Amino acid sequence: MYSTRLATMRIEPVISIKLIHETLQMCPLGFYTAIFLLIMSLTGLFWSFEWYKDAGSRVLGTEVFGGRGGGPKIIS
């Protein structure tokens, strides 16, 4: 009896648009925080790593943080 019972049990996926909608209604703060953290992490990588900034510039087709010299150059 046990083996036939296991053979008939199936796990159905329960993810649906309705479930996602209800979850976002219950905890919208976490959803918006995740978007904010994603933006922070991507911009932090651009500031930290030159190779990441170059790759991002190639993907976007424009210079990332272009024209920001940071002030006058001091020549000594």
C-alpha atoms as a PDB file:
ATOM      1  CA  MET A   1       0.000   0.000   0.000  1.00  0.00           C
ATOM      2  CA  TYR A   2       2.825   2.392   0.806  1.00  0.00           C
ATOM      3  CA  SER A   3       4.515   2.061  -2.602  1.00  0.00           C
ATOM      4  CA  THR A   4       1.307   2.695  -4.560  1.00  0.00           C
ATOM      5  CA  ARG A   5       0.602   5.723  -2.440  1.00  0.00           C
ATOM      6  CA  LEU A   6       4.018   7.179  -3.193  1.00  0.00           C
ATOM      7  CA  ALA A   7       3.618   6.520  -6.897  1.00  0.00           C
ATOM      8  CA  THR A   8       0.399   8.541  -7.047  1.00  0.00           C
ATOM      9  CA  MET A   9       1.733  11.544  -5.121  1.00  0.00           C
ATOM     10  CA  ARG A  10       2.911  14.429  -7.288  1.00  0.00           C
ATOM     11  CA  ILE A  11       4.222  17.842  -6.396  1.00  0.00           C
ATOM     12  CA  GLU A  12       2.502  20.518  -8.407  1.00  0.00           C
ATOM     13  CA  PRO A  13       4.086  23.941  -8.844  1.00  0.00           C
ATOM     14  CA  VAL A  14       2.137  26.516  -6.882  1.00  0.00           C
ATOM     15  CA  ILE A  15       3.676  29.675  -8.300  1.00  0.00           C
ATOM     16  CA  SER A  16       1.106  31.729 -10.104  1.00  0.00           C
ATOM     17  CA  ILE A  17       0.461  35.357 -10.901  1.00  0.00           C
ATOM     18  CA  LYS A  18      -2.150  35.457  -8.153  1.00  0.00           C
ATOM     19  CA  LEU A  19       0.351  34.179  -5.561  1.00  0.00           C
ATOM     20  CA  ILE A  20       2.985  36.710  -6.626  1.00  0.00           C
ATOM     21  CA  HIS A  21       0.396  39.497  -6.481  1.00  0.00           C
ATOM     22  CA  GLU A  22      -0.726  38.501  -2.990  1.00  0.00           C
ATOM     23  CA  THR A  23       2.863  38.245  -1.764  1.00  0.00           C
ATOM     24  CA  LEU A  24       3.703  41.718  -3.041  1.00  0.00           C
ATOM     25  CA  GLN A  25       0.622  43.108  -1.313  1.00  0.00           C
ATOM     26  CA  MET A  26       1.678  41.570   2.000  1.00  0.00           C
ATOM     27  CA  CYS A  27       5.325  42.673   1.938  1.00  0.00           C
ATOM     28  CA  PRO A  28       5.962  45.485  -0.560  1.00  0.00           C
ATOM     29  CA  LEU A  29       8.769  46.913   1.561  1.00  0.00           C
ATOM     30  CA  GLY A  30      10.988  43.897   0.917  1.00  0.00           C
ATOM     31  CA  PHE A  31      10.331  44.077  -2.831  1.00  0.00           C
ATOM     32  CA  TYR A  32      11.280  47.751  -3.059  1.00  0.00           C
ATOM     33  CA  THR A  33      14.263  47.213  -0.781  1.00  0.00           C
ATOM     34  CA  ALA A  34      15.527  44.469  -3.108  1.00  0.00           C
ATOM     35  CA  ILE A  35      15.343  46.863  -6.081  1.00  0.00           C
ATOM     36  CA  PHE A  36      17.192  49.540  -4.096  1.00  0.00           C
ATOM     37  CA  LEU A  37      19.914  47.075  -3.031  1.00  0.00           C
ATOM     38  CA  LEU A  38      20.356  45.841  -6.604  1.00  0.00           C
ATOM     39  CA  ILE A  39      20.921  49.398  -7.834  1.00  0.00           C
ATOM     40  CA  MET A  40      23.360  50.077  -4.992  1.00  0.00           C
ATOM     41  CA  SER A  41      25.363  46.928  -5.691  1.00  0.00           C
ATOM     42  CA  LEU A  42      25.635  47.605  -9.428  1.00  0.00           C
ATOM     43  CA  THR A  43      26.769  51.206  -8.969  1.00  0.00           C
ATOM     44  CA  GLY A  44      29.222  50.138  -6.275  1.00  0.00           C
ATOM     45  CA  LEU A  45      30.799  47.696  -8.708  1.00  0.00           C
ATOM     46  CA  PHE A  46      31.147  50.505 -11.271  1.00  0.00           C
ATOM     47  CA  TRP A  47      32.919  52.674  -8.692  1.00  0.00           C
ATOM     48  CA  SER A  48      35.159  49.900  -7.370  1.00  0.00           C
ATOM     49  CA  PHE A  49      36.405  48.015 -10.408  1.00  0.00           C
ATOM     50  CA  GLU A  50      37.824  49.573 -13.537  1.00  0.00           C
ATOM     51  CA  TRP A  51      37.255  46.397 -15.587  1.00  0.00           C
ATOM     52  CA  TYR A  52      33.577  46.375 -14.563  1.00  0.00           C
ATOM     53  CA  LYS A  53      33.190  50.019 -15.585  1.00  0.00           C
ATOM     54  CA  ASP A  54      34.817  49.295 -18.969  1.00  0.00           C
ATOM     55  CA  ALA A  55      32.556  46.270 -19.555  1.00  0.00           C
ATOM     56  CA  GLY A  56      29.479  48.275 -18.570  1.00  0.00           C
ATOM     57  CA  SER A  57      30.506  51.069 -20.918  1.00  0.00           C
ATOM     58  CA  ARG A  58      30.789  48.589 -23.795  1.00  0.00           C
ATOM     59  CA  VAL A  59      27.417  47.011 -23.018  1.00  0.00           C
ATOM     60  CA  LEU A  60      25.598  50.348 -22.639  1.00  0.00           C
ATOM     61  CA  GLY A  61      27.359  51.916 -25.626  1.00  0.00           C
ATOM     62  CA  THR A  62      28.381  55.044 -23.732  1.00  0.00           C
ATOM     63  CA  GLU A  63      31.044  55.980 -21.237  1.00  0.00           C
ATOM     64  CA  VAL A  64      29.889  55.273 -17.693  1.00  0.00           C
ATOM     65  CA  PHE A  65      30.653  58.171 -15.317  1.00  0.00           C
ATOM     66  CA  GLY A  66      32.158  60.032 -18.273  1.00  0.00           C
ATOM     67  CA  GLY A  67      33.309  63.592 -17.808  1.00  0.00           C
ATOM     68  CA  ARG A  68      33.743  63.360 -14.049  1.00  0.00           C
ATOM     69  CA  GLY A  69      37.288  64.495 -13.460  1.00  0.00           C
ATOM     70  CA  GLY A  70      37.000  64.945  -9.722  1.00  0.00           C
ATOM     71  CA  GLY A  71      38.478  68.428  -9.645  1.00  0.00           C
ATOM     72  CA  PRO A  72      41.621  70.153 -10.852  1.00  0.00           C
ATOM     73  CA  LYS A  73      44.775  68.131 -11.373  1.00  0.00           C
ATOM     74  CA  ILE A  74      47.711  69.108  -9.193  1.00  0.00           C
ATOM     75  CA  ILE A  75      50.999  69.065 -11.033  1.00  0.00           C
ATOM     76  CA  SER A  76      54.039  68.979  -8.813  1.00  0.00           C
END
